[in-house]
Amino acid sequence: MDKIRFATVWLSGCVGCHMSFLDLDEWLVELADRVDLVYSQAIADAKEYPENVDICLVEGAIGTEEDVHLIKQVRQRTKNLIALGSCAINSNFTGMRNVYDSPEAVLNTSYKELVDLNPRLPYDTSGDLPKLLDRAIGLSDAVDVDLTIPGCPPSADRIKAAIEPLLEGKESVK
């Protein structure tokens, strides 16, 4: 029997949801026997999101142009896209920056106004820093989401209860 192609994605967030996923402890050993981990920035070192993914847990809000590109690719290539945690669902703490008028205002406040030592904007001559969007948004504001797992972060038990039926080929508890 072919293993389920499994992925996790980390967008604009704190990686707390991935930490909860890792709190599945011994069940991760069972999961590893049943899935092929094909992509995960937080757990593995895959560079390109692959085709034909069965299940993908996505943590974090969409906060950068890079996030927009990746989430559209994930949606196109994934059967079951799961919004993992409150940031993925409604932008939660990442969306706190939405009270500012622009990404520039966010950066000025964060790197100049509220800093005691060496206040300055991040300097990136390489172009590696992705451009911030005007607002951080939840996944469903950009793509269709198949399932949400609420919480900040969601508990390991809640994550297991959501994905375990999918491993059996059943529909997850909504």
Protein backbone atom coordinates (compact mmCIF):
# COMPACT_ATOMS: atom_id res chain seq x y z
CA MET A 1 0.00 0.00 0.00
CA ASP A 2 1.28 3.48 -0.90
CA LYS A 3 2.01 5.80 1.97
CA ILE A 4 0.07 9.03 2.34
CA ARG A 5 2.04 12.01 1.06
CA PHE A 6 2.17 14.37 4.04
CA ALA A 7 3.47 17.93 4.33
CA THR A 8 3.59 20.83 6.76
CA VAL A 9 4.01 24.49 5.84
CA TRP A 10 5.04 27.39 8.05
CA LEU A 11 3.95 30.85 6.86
CA SER A 12 4.00 34.08 8.93
CA GLY A 13 3.73 32.76 12.47
CA CYS A 14 5.67 31.63 15.51
CA VAL A 15 6.05 27.85 14.85
CA GLY A 16 4.01 27.12 18.00
CA CYS A 17 1.60 24.94 16.02
CA HIS A 18 4.50 22.83 14.77
CA MET A 19 5.64 22.48 18.39
CA SER A 20 2.16 21.16 19.27
CA PHE A 21 2.40 18.77 16.33
CA LEU A 22 5.70 17.49 17.75
CA ASP A 23 3.93 17.04 21.11
CA LEU A 24 2.20 14.05 19.51
CA ASP A 25 5.22 12.22 20.93
CA GLU A 26 4.96 8.43 20.45
CA TRP A 27 2.12 8.78 17.92
CA LEU A 28 4.64 10.43 15.59
CA VAL A 29 6.37 7.04 15.30
CA GLU A 30 3.09 5.47 14.18
CA LEU A 31 2.48 8.41 11.85
CA ALA A 32 5.94 8.00 10.32
CA ASP A 33 5.06 4.41 9.42
CA ARG A 34 1.92 5.58 7.60
CA VAL A 35 3.08 8.69 5.78
CA ASP A 36 5.85 9.91 3.55
CA LEU A 37 6.91 13.38 4.76
CA VAL A 38 7.41 15.15 1.42
CA TYR A 39 7.77 18.77 2.59
CA SER A 40 8.26 20.73 5.80
CA GLN A 41 10.34 23.86 6.41
CA ALA A 42 10.21 23.23 10.18
CA ILE A 43 11.01 19.51 10.20
CA ALA A 44 12.78 18.60 6.93
CA ASP A 45 14.86 20.45 4.37
CA ALA A 46 12.74 20.28 1.23
CA LYS A 47 13.17 23.31 -1.03
CA GLU A 48 10.25 22.93 -3.47
CA TYR A 49 6.66 22.08 -2.58
CA PRO A 50 5.91 18.80 -4.41
CA GLU A 51 2.98 17.65 -6.53
CA ASN A 52 0.28 15.23 -5.34
CA VAL A 53 0.31 15.88 -1.60
CA ASP A 54 -2.50 14.12 0.26
CA ILE A 55 -2.49 16.10 3.53
CA CYS A 56 -0.85 19.42 4.36
CA LEU A 57 -0.95 21.21 7.72
CA VAL A 58 -0.40 24.95 7.21
CA GLU A 59 0.61 27.11 10.16
CA GLY A 60 0.69 30.90 10.15
CA ALA A 61 -1.04 33.78 8.43
CA ILE A 62 -0.38 34.99 4.92
CA GLY A 63 1.79 38.02 5.61
CA THR A 64 4.24 38.31 2.71
CA GLU A 65 4.26 38.07 -1.06
CA GLU A 66 6.27 34.85 -0.65
CA ASP A 67 3.44 33.42 1.51
CA VAL A 68 0.88 34.21 -1.22
CA HIS A 69 2.93 32.37 -3.82
CA LEU A 70 3.50 29.35 -1.58
CA ILE A 71 -0.11 28.98 -0.37
CA LYS A 72 -1.43 29.07 -3.95
CA GLN A 73 1.08 26.39 -4.91
CA VAL A 74 0.13 24.33 -1.83
CA ARG A 75 -3.58 24.59 -2.67
CA GLN A 76 -3.02 23.58 -6.27
CA ARG A 77 -0.92 20.55 -5.31
CA THR A 78 -2.73 19.33 -2.16
CA LYS A 79 -5.82 17.21 -1.68
CA ASN A 80 -6.51 18.11 1.99
CA LEU A 81 -5.30 21.57 3.00
CA ILE A 82 -5.65 22.09 6.75
CA ALA A 83 -5.42 25.52 8.43
CA LEU A 84 -3.48 24.70 11.61
CA GLY A 85 -4.05 27.20 14.41
CA SER A 86 -5.55 30.63 14.84
CA CYS A 87 -3.05 32.52 12.66
CA ALA A 88 -3.85 30.28 9.68
CA ILE A 89 -7.57 30.66 10.37
CA ASN A 90 -7.91 34.40 11.04
CA SER A 91 -4.35 35.85 11.16
CA ASN A 92 -4.52 36.00 15.01
CA PHE A 93 -1.38 37.57 16.51
CA THR A 94 0.28 38.02 13.11
CA GLY A 95 -2.71 40.18 12.19
CA MET A 96 -2.03 42.56 15.09
CA ARG A 97 0.07 44.53 12.61
CA ASN A 98 -3.12 45.23 10.62
CA VAL A 99 -3.84 48.27 12.81
CA TYR A 100 -1.02 50.08 10.99
CA ASP A 101 -1.62 51.87 7.71
CA SER A 102 1.20 50.23 5.80
CA PRO A 103 4.02 47.71 5.99
CA GLU A 104 6.43 50.65 6.28
CA ALA A 105 4.62 51.84 9.42
CA VAL A 106 4.93 48.33 10.90
CA LEU A 107 8.65 48.24 10.18
CA ASN A 108 9.27 51.78 11.50
CA THR A 109 7.42 51.01 14.73
CA SER A 110 9.11 47.64 15.22
CA TYR A 111 12.67 48.51 14.24
CA LYS A 112 13.01 52.25 15.00
CA GLU A 113 10.44 53.67 17.39
CA LEU A 114 10.29 50.86 19.96
CA VAL A 115 14.00 50.02 20.01
CA ASP A 116 16.41 51.33 22.65
CA LEU A 117 19.71 50.30 21.06
CA ASN A 118 20.68 50.84 17.43
CA PRO A 119 17.23 51.69 16.00
CA ARG A 120 17.26 51.04 12.25
CA LEU A 121 15.31 49.26 9.58
CA PRO A 122 16.46 45.79 8.49
CA TYR A 123 19.03 46.14 5.76
CA ASP A 124 18.88 43.50 3.06
CA THR A 125 20.97 44.04 -0.06
CA SER A 126 20.43 40.42 -1.19
CA GLY A 127 16.67 40.72 -1.68
CA ASP A 128 16.15 37.66 0.54
CA LEU A 129 13.61 39.31 2.84
CA PRO A 130 10.10 38.85 1.42
CA LYS A 131 7.95 41.97 0.94
CA LEU A 132 5.23 42.40 3.56
CA LEU A 133 1.63 42.54 2.39
CA ASP A 134 -0.48 45.53 3.43
CA ARG A 135 -2.39 43.23 5.80
CA ALA A 136 -1.85 39.76 7.25
CA ILE A 137 -4.74 37.46 6.33
CA GLY A 138 -6.00 33.97 7.12
CA LEU A 139 -5.64 31.20 4.56
CA SER A 140 -9.30 31.16 3.52
CA ASP A 141 -8.96 34.79 2.40
CA ALA A 142 -6.66 33.55 -0.38
CA VAL A 143 -7.46 29.87 -1.04
CA ASP A 144 -10.05 27.21 -0.24
CA VAL A 145 -9.34 25.41 3.03
CA ASP A 146 -10.62 21.87 3.64
CA LEU A 147 -10.37 21.79 7.42
CA THR A 148 -9.47 24.11 10.30
CA ILE A 149 -7.86 23.15 13.59
CA PRO A 150 -8.40 26.10 15.96
CA GLY A 151 -6.19 27.07 18.86
CA CYS A 152 -3.14 29.13 19.67
CA PRO A 153 -1.63 26.66 19.41
CA PRO A 154 -4.05 23.76 19.05
CA SER A 155 -3.39 20.85 21.37
CA ALA A 156 -1.65 17.74 20.12
CA ASP A 157 -4.84 15.78 20.86
CA ARG A 158 -6.88 18.13 18.67
CA ILE A 159 -4.36 17.79 15.83
CA LYS A 160 -4.41 13.99 16.07
CA ALA A 161 -8.22 13.90 16.15
CA ALA A 162 -8.34 15.95 12.96
CA ILE A 163 -5.76 14.09 10.89
CA GLU A 164 -6.23 10.51 12.07
CA PRO A 165 -9.48 9.96 10.10
CA LEU A 166 -7.78 11.28 6.95
CA LEU A 167 -5.10 8.63 7.35
CA GLU A 168 -7.89 6.03 7.31
CA GLY A 169 -9.36 7.52 4.13
CA LYS A 170 -12.32 8.98 6.04
CA GLU A 171 -13.50 12.52 6.39
CA SER A 172 -12.11 14.37 9.36
CA VAL A 173 -14.30 15.70 12.14
CA LYS A 174 -15.15 19.26 11.10
